[in-house]
Amino acid sequence: FLVVSRGVDGPDATALGARIRAALSVPAEISA
């Protein structure tokens, strides 16, 4: 996947990566 975020650099880019990492660190509940 690729995320595109306008007007973001420096610390905001760092924060964006951290938020995505946190969101994708929780186990996923699927039908299996």
Full PDB file with SEQRES, HELIX, SHEET, SSBOND, CRYST1, ORIGX, SCALE, CONECT and MASTER records, all heavy atoms in Angstrom:
SEQRES   1 A   32  PHE LEU VAL VAL SER ARG GLY VAL ASP GLY PRO ASP ALA          
SEQRES   2 A   32  THR ALA LEU GLY ALA ARG ILE ARG ALA ALA LEU SER VAL          
SEQRES   3 A   32  PRO ALA GLU ILE SER ALA                                      
HELIX    1 AA1 GLY A   10  ALA A   23  1                                  14    
CRYST1    1.000    1.000    1.000  90.00  90.00  90.00 P 1           1          
ORIGX1      1.000000  0.000000  0.000000        0.00000                         
ORIGX2      0.000000  1.000000  0.000000        0.00000                         
ORIGX3      0.000000  0.000000  1.000000        0.00000                         
SCALE1      1.000000  0.000000  0.000000        0.00000                         
SCALE2      0.000000  1.000000  0.000000        0.00000                         
SCALE3      0.000000  0.000000  1.000000        0.00000                         
ATOM      1  N   PHE A   1       0.850  -1.183   0.000  1.00  0.00           N  
ATOM      2  CA  PHE A   1       0.000   0.000   0.000  1.00  0.00           C  
ATOM      3  C   PHE A   1       0.893   1.243   0.000  1.00  0.00           C  
ATOM      4  O   PHE A   1       2.057   1.191   0.428  1.00  0.00           O  
ATOM      5  CB  PHE A   1      -0.902   0.033   1.241  1.00  0.00           C  
ATOM      6  CG  PHE A   1      -1.912  -1.083   1.296  1.00  0.00           C  
ATOM      7  CD1 PHE A   1      -1.549  -2.349   1.762  1.00  0.00           C  
ATOM      8  CD2 PHE A   1      -3.223  -0.870   0.906  1.00  0.00           C  
ATOM      9  CE1 PHE A   1      -2.474  -3.380   1.828  1.00  0.00           C  
ATOM     10  CE2 PHE A   1      -4.155  -1.897   0.957  1.00  0.00           C  
ATOM     11  CZ  PHE A   1      -3.779  -3.153   1.420  1.00  0.00           C  
ATOM     12  N   LEU A   2       0.323   2.368  -0.481  1.00  0.00           N  
ATOM     13  CA  LEU A   2       1.045   3.634  -0.448  1.00  0.00           C  
ATOM     14  C   LEU A   2       0.095   4.706   0.080  1.00  0.00           C  
ATOM     15  O   LEU A   2      -1.020   4.855  -0.420  1.00  0.00           O  
ATOM     16  CB  LEU A   2       1.539   4.034  -1.845  1.00  0.00           C  
ATOM     17  CG  LEU A   2       2.459   5.258  -1.887  1.00  0.00           C  
ATOM     18  CD1 LEU A   2       3.824   4.904  -1.303  1.00  0.00           C  
ATOM     19  CD2 LEU A   2       2.618   5.775  -3.316  1.00  0.00           C  
ATOM     20  N   VAL A   3       0.563   5.413   1.106  1.00  0.00           N  
ATOM     21  CA  VAL A   3      -0.199   6.524   1.669  1.00  0.00           C  
ATOM     22  C   VAL A   3       0.404   7.826   1.151  1.00  0.00           C  
ATOM     23  O   VAL A   3       1.626   8.013   1.187  1.00  0.00           O  
ATOM     24  CB  VAL A   3      -0.157   6.500   3.211  1.00  0.00           C  
ATOM     25  CG1 VAL A   3      -0.814   7.748   3.790  1.00  0.00           C  
ATOM     26  CG2 VAL A   3      -0.840   5.246   3.739  1.00  0.00           C  
ATOM     27  N   VAL A   4      -0.433   8.743   0.653  1.00  0.00           N  
ATOM     28  CA  VAL A   4       0.000  10.053   0.162  1.00  0.00           C  
ATOM     29  C   VAL A   4      -0.644  11.114   1.041  1.00  0.00           C  
ATOM     30  O   VAL A   4      -1.874  11.162   1.166  1.00  0.00           O  
ATOM     31  CB  VAL A   4      -0.404  10.265  -1.307  1.00  0.00           C  
ATOM     32  CG1 VAL A   4       0.051  11.637  -1.799  1.00  0.00           C  
ATOM     33  CG2 VAL A   4       0.163   9.159  -2.186  1.00  0.00           C  
ATOM     34  N   SER A   5       0.188  11.964   1.653  1.00  0.00           N  
ATOM     35  CA  SER A   5      -0.312  12.983   2.577  1.00  0.00           C  
ATOM     36  C   SER A   5       0.270  14.340   2.198  1.00  0.00           C  
ATOM     37  O   SER A   5       1.477  14.570   2.304  1.00  0.00           O  
ATOM     38  CB  SER A   5       0.075  12.617   4.016  1.00  0.00           C  
ATOM     39  OG  SER A   5      -0.527  13.500   4.938  1.00  0.00           O  
ATOM     40  N   ARG A   6      -0.584  15.248   1.731  1.00  0.00           N  
ATOM     41  CA  ARG A   6      -0.147  16.582   1.320  1.00  0.00           C  
ATOM     42  C   ARG A   6       0.171  17.450   2.533  1.00  0.00           C  
ATOM     43  O   ARG A   6      -0.476  17.353   3.574  1.00  0.00           O  
ATOM     44  CB  ARG A   6      -1.232  17.285   0.498  1.00  0.00           C  
ATOM     45  CG  ARG A   6      -1.546  16.624  -0.846  1.00  0.00           C  
ATOM     46  CD  ARG A   6      -2.676  17.389  -1.525  1.00  0.00           C  
ATOM     47  NE  ARG A   6      -3.002  16.894  -2.859  1.00  0.00           N  
ATOM     48  CZ  ARG A   6      -3.814  15.892  -3.092  1.00  0.00           C  
ATOM     49  NH1 ARG A   6      -4.387  15.247  -2.081  1.00  0.00           N  
ATOM     50  NH2 ARG A   6      -4.057  15.493  -4.342  1.00  0.00           N  
ATOM     51  N   GLY A   7       1.155  18.347   2.365  1.00  0.00           N  
ATOM     52  CA  GLY A   7       1.466  19.343   3.389  1.00  0.00           C  
ATOM     53  C   GLY A   7       2.069  18.754   4.645  1.00  0.00           C  
ATOM     54  O   GLY A   7       1.965  19.354   5.719  1.00  0.00           O  
ATOM     55  N   VAL A   8       2.706  17.605   4.532  1.00  0.00           N  
ATOM     56  CA  VAL A   8       3.281  16.931   5.708  1.00  0.00           C  
ATOM     57  C   VAL A   8       4.773  16.746   5.487  1.00  0.00           C  
ATOM     58  O   VAL A   8       5.199  16.241   4.439  1.00  0.00           O  
ATOM     59  CB  VAL A   8       2.610  15.572   5.946  1.00  0.00           C  
ATOM     60  CG1 VAL A   8       3.338  14.796   7.054  1.00  0.00           C  
ATOM     61  CG2 VAL A   8       1.142  15.767   6.304  1.00  0.00           C  
ATOM     62  N   ASP A   9       5.597  17.161   6.454  1.00  0.00           N  
ATOM     63  CA  ASP A   9       7.038  16.881   6.427  1.00  0.00           C  
ATOM     64  C   ASP A   9       7.564  16.938   7.848  1.00  0.00           C  
ATOM     65  O   ASP A   9       6.815  17.190   8.800  1.00  0.00           O  
ATOM     66  CB  ASP A   9       7.780  17.881   5.518  1.00  0.00           C  
ATOM     67  CG  ASP A   9       7.745  19.307   6.059  1.00  0.00           C  
ATOM     68  OD1 ASP A   9       6.983  19.569   7.022  1.00  0.00           O  
ATOM     69  OD2 ASP A   9       8.476  20.155   5.517  1.00  0.00           O  
ATOM     70  N   GLY A  10       8.849  16.691   8.000  1.00  0.00           N  
ATOM     71  CA  GLY A  10       9.499  16.793   9.313  1.00  0.00           C  
ATOM     72  C   GLY A  10       8.810  15.973  10.381  1.00  0.00           C  
ATOM     73  O   GLY A  10       8.479  14.798  10.191  1.00  0.00           O  
ATOM     74  N   PRO A  11       8.554  16.613  11.534  1.00  0.00           N  
ATOM     75  CA  PRO A  11       7.921  15.893  12.656  1.00  0.00           C  
ATOM     76  C   PRO A  11       6.561  15.310  12.292  1.00  0.00           C  
ATOM     77  O   PRO A  11       6.184  14.250  12.794  1.00  0.00           O  
ATOM     78  CB  PRO A  11       7.791  16.978  13.729  1.00  0.00           C  
ATOM     79  CG  PRO A  11       8.841  17.995  13.382  1.00  0.00           C  
ATOM     80  CD  PRO A  11       8.917  17.993  11.893  1.00  0.00           C  
ATOM     81  N   ASP A  12       5.826  15.999  11.427  1.00  0.00           N  
ATOM     82  CA  ASP A  12       4.505  15.480  11.048  1.00  0.00           C  
ATOM     83  C   ASP A  12       4.626  14.177  10.264  1.00  0.00           C  
ATOM     84  O   ASP A  12       3.798  13.271  10.402  1.00  0.00           O  
ATOM     85  CB  ASP A  12       3.762  16.515  10.199  1.00  0.00           C  
ATOM     86  CG  ASP A  12       3.345  17.731  11.017  1.00  0.00           C  
ATOM     87  OD1 ASP A  12       3.205  17.596  12.237  1.00  0.00           O  
ATOM     88  OD2 ASP A  12       3.160  18.805  10.417  1.00  0.00           O  
ATOM     89  N   ALA A  13       5.669  14.070   9.444  1.00  0.00           N  
ATOM     90  CA  ALA A  13       5.895  12.828   8.716  1.00  0.00           C  
ATOM     91  C   ALA A  13       6.228  11.709   9.689  1.00  0.00           C  
ATOM     92  O   ALA A  13       5.781  10.566   9.543  1.00  0.00           O  
ATOM     93  CB  ALA A  13       7.024  13.010   7.702  1.00  0.00           C  
ATOM     94  N   THR A  14       7.020  12.036  10.707  1.00  0.00           N  
ATOM     95  CA  THR A  14       7.358  11.048  11.728  1.00  0.00           C  
ATOM     96  C   THR A  14       6.116  10.580  12.471  1.00  0.00           C  
ATOM     97  O   THR A  14       5.912   9.375  12.709  1.00  0.00           O  
ATOM     98  CB  THR A  14       8.361  11.659  12.731  1.00  0.00           C  
ATOM     99  OG1 THR A  14       9.525  12.069  12.028  1.00  0.00           O  
ATOM    100  CG2 THR A  14       8.734  10.654  13.798  1.00  0.00           C  
ATOM    101  N   ALA A  15       5.254  11.547  12.815  1.00  0.00           N  
ATOM    102  CA  ALA A  15       4.023  11.209  13.540  1.00  0.00           C  
ATOM    103  C   ALA A  15       3.100  10.354  12.678  1.00  0.00           C  
ATOM    104  O   ALA A  15       2.432   9.438  13.172  1.00  0.00           O  
ATOM    105  CB  ALA A  15       3.315  12.492  13.972  1.00  0.00           C  
ATOM    106  N   LEU A  16       3.047  10.668  11.372  1.00  0.00           N  
ATOM    107  CA  LEU A  16       2.207   9.884  10.465  1.00  0.00           C  
ATOM    108  C   LEU A  16       2.666   8.428  10.444  1.00  0.00           C  
ATOM    109  O   LEU A  16       1.853   7.494  10.530  1.00  0.00           O  
ATOM    110  CB  LEU A  16       2.271  10.486   9.059  1.00  0.00           C  
ATOM    111  CG  LEU A  16       1.542   9.719   7.948  1.00  0.00           C  
ATOM    112  CD1 LEU A  16       0.050   9.651   8.246  1.00  0.00           C  
ATOM    113  CD2 LEU A  16       1.784  10.363   6.580  1.00  0.00           C  
ATOM    114  N   GLY A  17       3.981   8.203  10.310  1.00  0.00           N  
ATOM    115  CA  GLY A  17       4.479   6.833  10.312  1.00  0.00           C  
ATOM    116  C   GLY A  17       4.159   6.114  11.606  1.00  0.00           C  
ATOM    117  O   GLY A  17       3.805   4.924  11.606  1.00  0.00           O  
ATOM    118  N   ALA A  18       4.255   6.830  12.738  1.00  0.00           N  
ATOM    119  CA  ALA A  18       3.977   6.211  14.040  1.00  0.00           C  
ATOM    120  C   ALA A  18       2.502   5.815  14.148  1.00  0.00           C  
ATOM    121  O   ALA A  18       2.170   4.751  14.692  1.00  0.00           O  
ATOM    122  CB  ALA A  18       4.363   7.181  15.156  1.00  0.00           C  
ATOM    123  N   ARG A  19       1.591   6.674  13.666  1.00  0.00           N  
ATOM    124  CA  ARG A  19       0.163   6.355  13.743  1.00  0.00           C  
ATOM    125  C   ARG A  19      -0.167   5.124  12.913  1.00  0.00           C  
ATOM    126  O   ARG A  19      -0.928   4.244  13.326  1.00  0.00           O  
ATOM    127  CB  ARG A  19      -0.684   7.542  13.243  1.00  0.00           C  
ATOM    128  CG  ARG A  19      -0.692   8.737  14.160  1.00  0.00           C  
ATOM    129  CD  ARG A  19      -1.894   9.650  13.877  1.00  0.00           C  
ATOM    130  NE  ARG A  19      -2.011  10.018  12.460  1.00  0.00           N  
ATOM    131  CZ  ARG A  19      -1.405  11.054  11.910  1.00  0.00           C  
ATOM    132  NH1 ARG A  19      -0.577  11.806  12.645  1.00  0.00           N  
ATOM    133  NH2 ARG A  19      -1.589  11.339  10.636  1.00  0.00           N  
ATOM    134  N   ILE A  20       0.438   5.038  11.731  1.00  0.00           N  
ATOM    135  CA  ILE A  20       0.174   3.879  10.879  1.00  0.00           C  
ATOM    136  C   ILE A  20       0.725   2.615  11.529  1.00  0.00           C  
ATOM    137  O   ILE A  20       0.065   1.553  11.517  1.00  0.00           O  
ATOM    138  CB  ILE A  20       0.785   4.113   9.477  1.00  0.00           C  
ATOM    139  CG1 ILE A  20       0.045   5.250   8.759  1.00  0.00           C  
ATOM    140  CG2 ILE A  20       0.733   2.838   8.647  1.00  0.00           C  
ATOM    141  CD1 ILE A  20       0.653   5.631   7.431  1.00  0.00           C  
ATOM    142  N   ARG A  21       1.931   2.704  12.109  1.00  0.00           N  
ATOM    143  CA  ARG A  21       2.512   1.538  12.768  1.00  0.00           C  
ATOM    144  C   ARG A  21       1.604   1.048  13.890  1.00  0.00           C  
ATOM    145  O   ARG A  21       1.357  -0.156  14.040  1.00  0.00           O  
ATOM    146  CB  ARG A  21       3.887   1.901  13.342  1.00  0.00           C  
ATOM    147  CG  ARG A  21       4.517   0.767  14.159  1.00  0.00           C  
ATOM    148  CD  ARG A  21       5.865   1.205  14.710  1.00  0.00           C  
ATOM    149  NE  ARG A  21       6.465   0.159  15.512  1.00  0.00           N  
ATOM    150  CZ  ARG A  21       6.241  -0.032  16.814  1.00  0.00           C  
ATOM    151  NH1 ARG A  21       5.394   0.767  17.447  1.00  0.00           N  
ATOM    152  NH2 ARG A  21       6.832  -1.025  17.462  1.00  0.00           N  
ATOM    153  N   ALA A  22       1.089   2.003  14.703  1.00  0.00           N  
ATOM    154  CA  ALA A  22       0.212   1.626  15.816  1.00  0.00           C  
ATOM    155  C   ALA A  22      -1.057   0.954  15.315  1.00  0.00           C  
ATOM    156  O   ALA A  22      -1.533  -0.047  15.884  1.00  0.00           O  
ATOM    157  CB  ALA A  22      -0.127   2.858  16.648  1.00  0.00           C  
ATOM    158  N   ALA A  23      -1.637   1.481  14.228  1.00  0.00           N  
ATOM    159  CA  ALA A  23      -2.888   0.922  13.703  1.00  0.00           C  
ATOM    160  C   ALA A  23      -2.694  -0.483  13.179  1.00  0.00           C  
ATOM    161  O   ALA A  23      -3.616  -1.321  13.234  1.00  0.00           O  
ATOM    162  CB  ALA A  23      -3.432   1.831  12.603  1.00  0.00           C  
ATOM    163  N   LEU A  24      -1.472  -0.770  12.654  1.00  0.00           N  
ATOM    164  CA  LEU A  24      -1.233  -2.076  12.053  1.00  0.00           C  
ATOM    165  C   LEU A  24      -0.514  -3.028  12.993  1.00  0.00           C  
ATOM    166  O   LEU A  24      -0.014  -4.067  12.557  1.00  0.00           O  
ATOM    167  CB  LEU A  24      -0.419  -1.900  10.764  1.00  0.00           C  
ATOM    168  CG  LEU A  24      -1.087  -1.058   9.663  1.00  0.00           C  
ATOM    169  CD1 LEU A  24      -0.202  -1.002   8.430  1.00  0.00           C  
ATOM    170  CD2 LEU A  24      -2.468  -1.593   9.311  1.00  0.00           C  
ATOM    171  N   SER A  25      -0.485  -2.711  14.260  1.00  0.00           N  
ATOM    172  CA  SER A  25       0.186  -3.583  15.238  1.00  0.00           C  
ATOM    173  C   SER A  25      -0.805  -4.398  16.049  1.00  0.00           C  
ATOM    174  O   SER A  25      -0.396  -5.199  16.897  1.00  0.00           O  
ATOM    175  CB  SER A  25       1.048  -2.742  16.193  1.00  0.00           C  
ATOM    176  OG  SER A  25       2.068  -2.071  15.487  1.00  0.00           O  
ATOM    177  N   VAL A  26      -2.083  -4.203  15.825  1.00  0.00           N  
ATOM    178  CA  VAL A  26      -3.117  -4.922  16.579  1.00  0.00           C  
ATOM    179  C   VAL A  26      -3.580  -6.109  15.745  1.00  0.00           C  
ATOM    180  O   VAL A  26      -3.812  -5.965  14.533  1.00  0.00           O  
ATOM    181  CB  VAL A  26      -4.298  -3.989  16.890  1.00  0.00           C  
ATOM    182  CG1 VAL A  26      -5.388  -4.733  17.644  1.00  0.00           C  
ATOM    183  CG2 VAL A  26      -3.820  -2.777  17.672  1.00  0.00           C  
ATOM    184  N   PRO A  27      -3.723  -7.272  16.297  1.00  0.00           N  
ATOM    185  CA  PRO A  27      -4.187  -8.445  15.538  1.00  0.00           C  
ATOM    186  C   PRO A  27      -5.506  -8.163  14.823  1.00  0.00           C  
ATOM    187  O   PRO A  27      -6.355  -7.412  15.313  1.00  0.00           O  
ATOM    188  CB  PRO A  27      -4.342  -9.515  16.616  1.00  0.00           C  
ATOM    189  CG  PRO A  27      -3.389  -9.109  17.688  1.00  0.00           C  
ATOM    190  CD  PRO A  27      -3.415  -7.611  17.713  1.00  0.00           C  
ATOM    191  N   ALA A  28      -5.678  -8.770  13.675  1.00  0.00           N  
ATOM    192  CA  ALA A  28      -6.882  -8.580  12.877  1.00  0.00           C  
ATOM    193  C   ALA A  28      -7.868  -9.705  13.126  1.00  0.00           C  
ATOM    194  O   ALA A  28      -7.487 -10.884  13.163  1.00  0.00           O  
ATOM    195  CB  ALA A  28      -6.517  -8.527  11.396  1.00  0.00           C  
ATOM    196  N   GLU A  29      -9.122  -9.322  13.307  1.00  0.00           N  
ATOM    197  CA  GLU A  29     -10.181 -10.311  13.497  1.00  0.00           C  
ATOM    198  C   GLU A  29     -10.830 -10.601  12.152  1.00  0.00           C  
ATOM    199  O   GLU A  29     -11.499  -9.757  11.569  1.00  0.00           O  
ATOM    200  CB  GLU A  29     -11.214  -9.787  14.486  1.00  0.00           C  
ATOM    201  CG  GLU A  29     -10.713  -9.633  15.905  1.00  0.00           C  
ATOM    202  CD  GLU A  29     -10.430 -10.974  16.564  1.00  0.00           C  
ATOM    203  OE1 GLU A  29     -10.994 -12.005  16.100  1.00  0.00           O  
ATOM    204  OE2 GLU A  29      -9.661 -10.989  17.532  1.00  0.00           O  
ATOM    205  N   ILE A  30     -10.613 -11.789  11.622  1.00  0.00           N  
ATOM    206  CA  ILE A  30     -11.224 -12.198  10.365  1.00  0.00           C  
ATOM    207  C   ILE A  30     -12.076 -13.429  10.614  1.00  0.00           C  
ATOM    208  O   ILE A  30     -12.126 -13.949  11.746  1.00  0.00           O  
ATOM    209  CB  ILE A  30     -10.149 -12.462   9.287  1.00  0.00           C  
ATOM    210  CG1 ILE A  30      -9.230 -13.611   9.727  1.00  0.00           C  
ATOM    211  CG2 ILE A  30      -9.338 -11.201   9.010  1.00  0.00           C  
ATOM    212  CD1 ILE A  30      -8.208 -13.992   8.653  1.00  0.00           C  
ATOM    213  N   SER A  31     -12.752 -13.928   9.599  1.00  0.00           N  
ATOM    214  CA  SER A  31     -13.676 -15.053   9.797  1.00  0.00           C  
ATOM    215  C   SER A  31     -12.965 -16.304  10.275  1.00  0.00           C  
ATOM    216  O   SER A  31     -13.576 -17.160  10.945  1.00  0.00           O  
ATOM    217  CB  SER A  31     -14.417 -15.340   8.489  1.00  0.00           C  
ATOM    218  OG  SER A  31     -13.500 -15.610   7.444  1.00  0.00           O  
ATOM    219  N   ALA A  32     -11.674 -16.427   9.968  1.00  0.00           N  
ATOM    220  CA  ALA A  32     -10.917 -17.602  10.409  1.00  0.00           C  
ATOM    221  C   ALA A  32     -10.387 -17.440  11.820  1.00  0.00           C  
ATOM    222  O   ALA A  32      -9.769 -18.360  12.366  1.00  0.00           O  
ATOM    223  CB  ALA A  32      -9.746 -17.862   9.458  1.00  0.00           C  
TER     224      ALA A  32                                                      
MASTER        0    0    0    1    0    0    0    6  223    1    0    3          
END                                                                             
